[in-house]
Amino acid sequence: MPDYGSAMFRPGRVLTAVTLAAAALLVAGCTSQTSTSPATTPAPPTATPNPADATAGASSEASGIALTCAVASAIGTTTLNAYSGYKQGKISAAEYAGAVNTVPYQYSALTFQPSYGLKDLVTAAKDAIEKTPPSVDGAVFDPAAQPYSGAADAIAAACDAHHAGLQIAGEYGG
């Protein structure tokens, strides 16, 4: 079973990028040339990195990771509550299966977002769902079993590493 305790909420930190503050200045001089001096071609200007591009790239990546971690939080909440509710006898096998069977669709919906983050881990989780046998009739997989639980733990660890820890809400006490 995924270690839901390790995915506790930690306030996110805004990524700060320090960028270059220098810009190239091309000065073209107007000098008179005599007919005996050879004509020279000025060198093409060199591209100066735009500091905003670096900041936008880092911000976009952070936003994509935050999106993935938010969806992983919803998935973790779904699987925890399905597992706990079923084990405690508070929901039926059909209700458990109905909740668990939404997980593949949640991952698929995430992949339709062009800027989602942790793409390799999301792909691994989707693949793991297909390889993880169900433990309850009607469910497509068992979220507490390997290899899916390992893939879910990897996403939780990556979210923690990016200061976007999962927020799991346990309805049945966890």
C-alpha atoms as a PDB file:
ATOM      1  CA  MET A   1       0.000   0.000   0.000  1.00  0.00           C
ATOM      2  CA  PRO A   2       1.351   3.471  -0.749  1.00  0.00           C
ATOM      3  CA  ASP A   3       2.820   5.182   2.261  1.00  0.00           C
ATOM      4  CA  TYR A   4       0.210   7.914   2.578  1.00  0.00           C
ATOM      5  CA  GLY A   5       1.892   9.296   5.671  1.00  0.00           C
ATOM      6  CA  SER A   6       5.016  10.296   3.760  1.00  0.00           C
ATOM      7  CA  ALA A   7       2.984  12.404   1.369  1.00  0.00           C
ATOM      8  CA  MET A   8       1.901  14.943   3.977  1.00  0.00           C
ATOM      9  CA  PHE A   9       1.285  18.477   2.825  1.00  0.00           C
ATOM     10  CA  ARG A  10       4.237  20.784   2.850  1.00  0.00           C
ATOM     11  CA  PRO A  11       3.675  24.380   1.749  1.00  0.00           C
ATOM     12  CA  GLY A  12       5.030  24.886  -1.727  1.00  0.00           C
ATOM     13  CA  ARG A  13       7.878  27.212  -2.309  1.00  0.00           C
ATOM     14  CA  VAL A  14       7.939  29.525  -5.222  1.00  0.00           C
ATOM     15  CA  LEU A  15      10.866  28.732  -7.437  1.00  0.00           C
ATOM     16  CA  THR A  16      13.131  31.725  -7.807  1.00  0.00           C
ATOM     17  CA  ALA A  17      15.479  32.055 -10.714  1.00  0.00           C
ATOM     18  CA  VAL A  18      18.418  34.402 -10.838  1.00  0.00           C
ATOM     19  CA  THR A  19      18.977  35.477 -14.408  1.00  0.00           C
ATOM     20  CA  LEU A  20      21.610  37.358 -16.320  1.00  0.00           C
ATOM     21  CA  ALA A  21      21.398  41.116 -16.008  1.00  0.00           C
ATOM     22  CA  ALA A  22      23.714  42.022 -18.872  1.00  0.00           C
ATOM     23  CA  ALA A  23      22.633  42.807 -22.431  1.00  0.00           C
ATOM     24  CA  ALA A  24      24.783  43.144 -25.523  1.00  0.00           C
ATOM     25  CA  LEU A  25      24.895  46.563 -27.129  1.00  0.00           C
ATOM     26  CA  LEU A  26      25.839  46.789 -30.756  1.00  0.00           C
ATOM     27  CA  VAL A  27      27.238  50.135 -31.733  1.00  0.00           C
ATOM     28  CA  ALA A  28      27.543  50.835 -35.425  1.00  0.00           C
ATOM     29  CA  GLY A  29      29.860  53.713 -36.128  1.00  0.00           C
ATOM     30  CA  CYS A  30      29.398  55.991 -39.057  1.00  0.00           C
ATOM     31  CA  THR A  31      32.848  56.624 -40.404  1.00  0.00           C
ATOM     32  CA  SER A  32      33.810  57.780 -43.787  1.00  0.00           C
ATOM     33  CA  GLN A  33      35.728  55.334 -45.861  1.00  0.00           C
ATOM     34  CA  THR A  34      38.001  56.212 -48.685  1.00  0.00           C
ATOM     35  CA  SER A  35      37.809  54.351 -51.915  1.00  0.00           C
ATOM     36  CA  THR A  36      41.131  52.675 -51.165  1.00  0.00           C
ATOM     37  CA  SER A  37      40.035  51.016 -47.935  1.00  0.00           C
ATOM     38  CA  PRO A  38      38.368  47.659 -48.245  1.00  0.00           C
ATOM     39  CA  ALA A  39      34.727  47.432 -47.331  1.00  0.00           C
ATOM     40  CA  THR A  40      34.035  45.476 -44.199  1.00  0.00           C
ATOM     41  CA  THR A  41      30.892  43.677 -43.275  1.00  0.00           C
ATOM     42  CA  PRO A  42      29.850  44.079 -39.701  1.00  0.00           C
ATOM     43  CA  ALA A  43      29.587  40.824 -37.752  1.00  0.00           C
ATOM     44  CA  PRO A  44      26.032  39.660 -37.184  1.00  0.00           C
ATOM     45  CA  PRO A  45      24.760  40.427 -33.715  1.00  0.00           C
ATOM     46  CA  THR A  46      24.975  37.535 -31.280  1.00  0.00           C
ATOM     47  CA  ALA A  47      21.845  36.300 -29.606  1.00  0.00           C
ATOM     48  CA  THR A  48      21.547  37.385 -26.021  1.00  0.00           C
ATOM     49  CA  PRO A  49      19.583  35.008 -23.801  1.00  0.00           C
ATOM     50  CA  ASN A  50      16.341  36.522 -22.669  1.00  0.00           C
ATOM     51  CA  PRO A  51      16.225  36.209 -18.865  1.00  0.00           C
ATOM     52  CA  ALA A  52      12.431  36.078 -19.019  1.00  0.00           C
ATOM     53  CA  ASP A  53      12.639  32.898 -21.119  1.00  0.00           C
ATOM     54  CA  ALA A  54      14.602  31.083 -18.404  1.00  0.00           C
ATOM     55  CA  THR A  55      12.212  32.267 -15.724  1.00  0.00           C
ATOM     56  CA  ALA A  56       9.179  31.331 -17.806  1.00  0.00           C
ATOM     57  CA  GLY A  57      10.614  27.867 -18.452  1.00  0.00           C
ATOM     58  CA  ALA A  58      11.258  27.242 -14.754  1.00  0.00           C
ATOM     59  CA  SER A  59       7.844  28.624 -13.856  1.00  0.00           C
ATOM     60  CA  SER A  60       6.135  26.487 -16.494  1.00  0.00           C
ATOM     61  CA  GLU A  61       7.922  23.359 -15.273  1.00  0.00           C
ATOM     62  CA  ALA A  62       6.992  24.130 -11.666  1.00  0.00           C
ATOM     63  CA  SER A  63       3.368  24.696 -12.683  1.00  0.00           C
ATOM     64  CA  GLY A  64       3.329  21.391 -14.553  1.00  0.00           C
ATOM     65  CA  ILE A  65       4.705  19.542 -11.545  1.00  0.00           C
ATOM     66  CA  ALA A  66       2.209  21.282  -9.257  1.00  0.00           C
ATOM     67  CA  LEU A  67      -0.618  20.200 -11.581  1.00  0.00           C
ATOM     68  CA  THR A  68       0.564  16.595 -11.531  1.00  0.00           C
ATOM     69  CA  CYS A  69       0.916  16.641  -7.756  1.00  0.00           C
ATOM     70  CA  ALA A  70      -2.593  18.067  -7.350  1.00  0.00           C
ATOM     71  CA  VAL A  71      -4.013  15.266  -9.499  1.00  0.00           C
ATOM     72  CA  ALA A  72      -1.898  12.733  -7.580  1.00  0.00           C
ATOM     73  CA  SER A  73      -3.424  14.139  -4.379  1.00  0.00           C
ATOM     74  CA  ALA A  74      -6.910  13.520  -5.745  1.00  0.00           C
ATOM     75  CA  ILE A  75      -5.934  10.006  -6.823  1.00  0.00           C
ATOM     76  CA  GLY A  76      -4.348   9.318  -3.433  1.00  0.00           C
ATOM     77  CA  THR A  77      -7.475  10.537  -1.689  1.00  0.00           C
ATOM     78  CA  THR A  78      -9.639   8.317  -3.904  1.00  0.00           C
ATOM     79  CA  THR A  79      -7.543   5.192  -3.370  1.00  0.00           C
ATOM     80  CA  LEU A  80      -7.044   5.737   0.373  1.00  0.00           C
ATOM     81  CA  ASN A  81     -10.746   6.243   0.978  1.00  0.00           C
ATOM     82  CA  ALA A  82     -11.724   3.305  -1.210  1.00  0.00           C
ATOM     83  CA  TYR A  83      -9.228   1.052   0.570  1.00  0.00           C
ATOM     84  CA  SER A  84     -10.051   2.246   4.099  1.00  0.00           C
ATOM     85  CA  GLY A  85     -13.801   2.368   3.551  1.00  0.00           C
ATOM     86  CA  TYR A  86     -13.875  -1.129   2.071  1.00  0.00           C
ATOM     87  CA  LYS A  87     -11.606  -2.635   4.758  1.00  0.00           C
ATOM     88  CA  GLN A  88     -13.769  -1.079   7.484  1.00  0.00           C
ATOM     89  CA  GLY A  89     -16.973  -2.340   5.855  1.00  0.00           C
ATOM     90  CA  LYS A  90     -18.279   1.187   5.265  1.00  0.00           C
ATOM     91  CA  ILE A  91     -18.487   0.813   1.482  1.00  0.00           C
ATOM     92  CA  SER A  92     -19.397  -2.182  -0.648  1.00  0.00           C
ATOM     93  CA  ALA A  93     -17.172  -4.013  -3.114  1.00  0.00           C
ATOM     94  CA  ALA A  94     -19.060  -2.301  -5.939  1.00  0.00           C
ATOM     95  CA  GLU A  95     -18.429   1.140  -4.405  1.00  0.00           C
ATOM     96  CA  TYR A  96     -14.759   0.275  -3.914  1.00  0.00           C
ATOM     97  CA  ALA A  97     -14.456  -0.876  -7.527  1.00  0.00           C
ATOM     98  CA  GLY A  98     -16.297   2.207  -8.752  1.00  0.00           C
ATOM     99  CA  ALA A  99     -13.870   4.510  -6.945  1.00  0.00           C
ATOM    100  CA  VAL A 100     -10.715   2.598  -7.901  1.00  0.00           C
ATOM    101  CA  ASN A 101     -11.809   2.349 -11.528  1.00  0.00           C
ATOM    102  CA  THR A 102     -11.741   6.143 -11.835  1.00  0.00           C
ATOM    103  CA  VAL A 103      -7.964   6.237 -11.285  1.00  0.00           C
ATOM    104  CA  PRO A 104      -6.911   5.299 -14.844  1.00  0.00           C
ATOM    105  CA  TYR A 105      -9.222   8.017 -16.159  1.00  0.00           C
ATOM    106  CA  GLN A 106      -7.742  10.581 -13.785  1.00  0.00           C
ATOM    107  CA  TYR A 107      -4.243   9.814 -15.088  1.00  0.00           C
ATOM    108  CA  SER A 108      -5.477   9.924 -18.685  1.00  0.00           C
ATOM    109  CA  ALA A 109      -7.170  13.288 -18.130  1.00  0.00           C
ATOM    110  CA  LEU A 110      -3.891  14.602 -16.730  1.00  0.00           C
ATOM    111  CA  THR A 111      -1.981  13.568 -19.853  1.00  0.00           C
ATOM    112  CA  PHE A 112      -4.307  15.669 -22.004  1.00  0.00           C
ATOM    113  CA  GLN A 113      -2.891  18.760 -20.299  1.00  0.00           C
ATOM    114  CA  PRO A 114       0.072  19.904 -22.412  1.00  0.00           C
ATOM    115  CA  SER A 115       2.051  21.214 -19.459  1.00  0.00           C
ATOM    116  CA  TYR A 116       1.724  18.417 -16.920  1.00  0.00           C
ATOM    117  CA  GLY A 117       4.939  17.445 -15.141  1.00  0.00           C
ATOM    118  CA  LEU A 118       6.678  14.261 -14.037  1.00  0.00           C
ATOM    119  CA  LYS A 119       5.698  12.677 -17.354  1.00  0.00           C
ATOM    120  CA  ASP A 120       7.870   9.572 -16.970  1.00  0.00           C
ATOM    121  CA  LEU A 121       6.419   8.835 -13.535  1.00  0.00           C
ATOM    122  CA  VAL A 122       2.850   9.353 -14.732  1.00  0.00           C
ATOM    123  CA  THR A 123       3.487   6.992 -17.649  1.00  0.00           C
ATOM    124  CA  ALA A 124       4.962   4.434 -15.242  1.00  0.00           C
ATOM    125  CA  ALA A 125       1.880   4.696 -13.007  1.00  0.00           C
ATOM    126  CA  LYS A 126      -0.469   4.222 -15.967  1.00  0.00           C
ATOM    127  CA  ASP A 127       1.532   1.173 -17.080  1.00  0.00           C
ATOM    128  CA  ALA A 128       1.579  -0.198 -13.522  1.00  0.00           C
ATOM    129  CA  ILE A 129      -2.217  -0.059 -13.331  1.00  0.00           C
ATOM    130  CA  GLU A 130      -2.406  -2.502 -16.239  1.00  0.00           C
ATOM    131  CA  LYS A 131       0.126  -4.822 -14.547  1.00  0.00           C
ATOM    132  CA  THR A 132      -1.409  -4.770 -11.065  1.00  0.00           C
ATOM    133  CA  PRO A 133      -4.087  -7.396 -10.527  1.00  0.00           C
ATOM    134  CA  PRO A 134      -7.318  -6.445  -8.755  1.00  0.00           C
ATOM    135  CA  SER A 135      -8.121  -7.769  -5.293  1.00  0.00           C
ATOM    136  CA  VAL A 136     -11.839  -6.975  -5.377  1.00  0.00           C
ATOM    137  CA  ASP A 137     -14.327  -8.166  -8.004  1.00  0.00           C
ATOM    138  CA  GLY A 138     -15.145  -5.428 -10.478  1.00  0.00           C
ATOM    139  CA  ALA A 139     -12.004  -3.377  -9.796  1.00  0.00           C
ATOM    140  CA  VAL A 140      -9.477  -2.968 -12.610  1.00  0.00           C
ATOM    141  CA  PHE A 141      -6.497  -3.072 -10.203  1.00  0.00           C
ATOM    142  CA  ASP A 142      -5.516  -3.013  -6.526  1.00  0.00           C
ATOM    143  CA  PRO A 143      -3.982   0.364  -5.642  1.00  0.00           C
ATOM    144  CA  ALA A 144      -2.356  -1.104  -2.525  1.00  0.00           C
ATOM    145  CA  ALA A 145      -0.442  -3.763  -4.498  1.00  0.00           C
ATOM    146  CA  GLN A 146       2.769  -3.720  -6.499  1.00  0.00           C
ATOM    147  CA  PRO A 147       3.706  -2.520  -9.029  1.00  0.00           C
ATOM    148  CA  TYR A 148       1.127   0.284  -8.824  1.00  0.00           C
ATOM    149  CA  SER A 149       1.806   1.209  -5.194  1.00  0.00           C
ATOM    150  CA  GLY A 150       5.501   1.610  -6.003  1.00  0.00           C
ATOM    151  CA  ALA A 151       4.680   3.893  -8.930  1.00  0.00           C
ATOM    152  CA  ALA A 152       2.337   5.962  -6.737  1.00  0.00           C
ATOM    153  CA  ASP A 153       5.053   6.222  -4.068  1.00  0.00           C
ATOM    154  CA  ALA A 154       7.532   7.441  -6.709  1.00  0.00           C
ATOM    155  CA  ILE A 155       5.148  10.239  -7.718  1.00  0.00           C
ATOM    156  CA  ALA A 156       4.640  11.182  -4.047  1.00  0.00           C
ATOM    157  CA  ALA A 157       8.415  11.276  -3.486  1.00  0.00           C
ATOM    158  CA  ALA A 158       8.947  13.439  -6.589  1.00  0.00           C
ATOM    159  CA  CYS A 159       6.226  15.825  -5.436  1.00  0.00           C
ATOM    160  CA  ASP A 160       7.903  16.058  -2.020  1.00  0.00           C
ATOM    161  CA  ALA A 161      11.263  16.705  -3.700  1.00  0.00           C
ATOM    162  CA  HIS A 162       9.701  19.584  -5.664  1.00  0.00           C
ATOM    163  CA  HIS A 163       8.078  21.046  -2.532  1.00  0.00           C
ATOM    164  CA  ALA A 164       4.624  20.131  -3.804  1.00  0.00           C
ATOM    165  CA  GLY A 165       3.790  17.329  -1.361  1.00  0.00           C
ATOM    166  CA  LEU A 166       0.544  15.476  -1.748  1.00  0.00           C
ATOM    167  CA  GLN A 167      -2.508  16.430   0.269  1.00  0.00           C
ATOM    168  CA  ILE A 168      -4.495  13.299   1.093  1.00  0.00           C
ATOM    169  CA  ALA A 169      -7.858  13.624   2.826  1.00  0.00           C
ATOM    170  CA  GLY A 170      -8.862  10.472   4.692  1.00  0.00           C
ATOM    171  CA  GLU A 171     -12.606  10.116   5.063  1.00  0.00           C
ATOM    172  CA  TYR A 172     -12.433   6.877   7.071  1.00  0.00           C
ATOM    173  CA  GLY A 173      -9.499   7.632   9.317  1.00  0.00           C
ATOM    174  CA  GLY A 174      -6.780   6.366   6.962  1.00  0.00           C
END
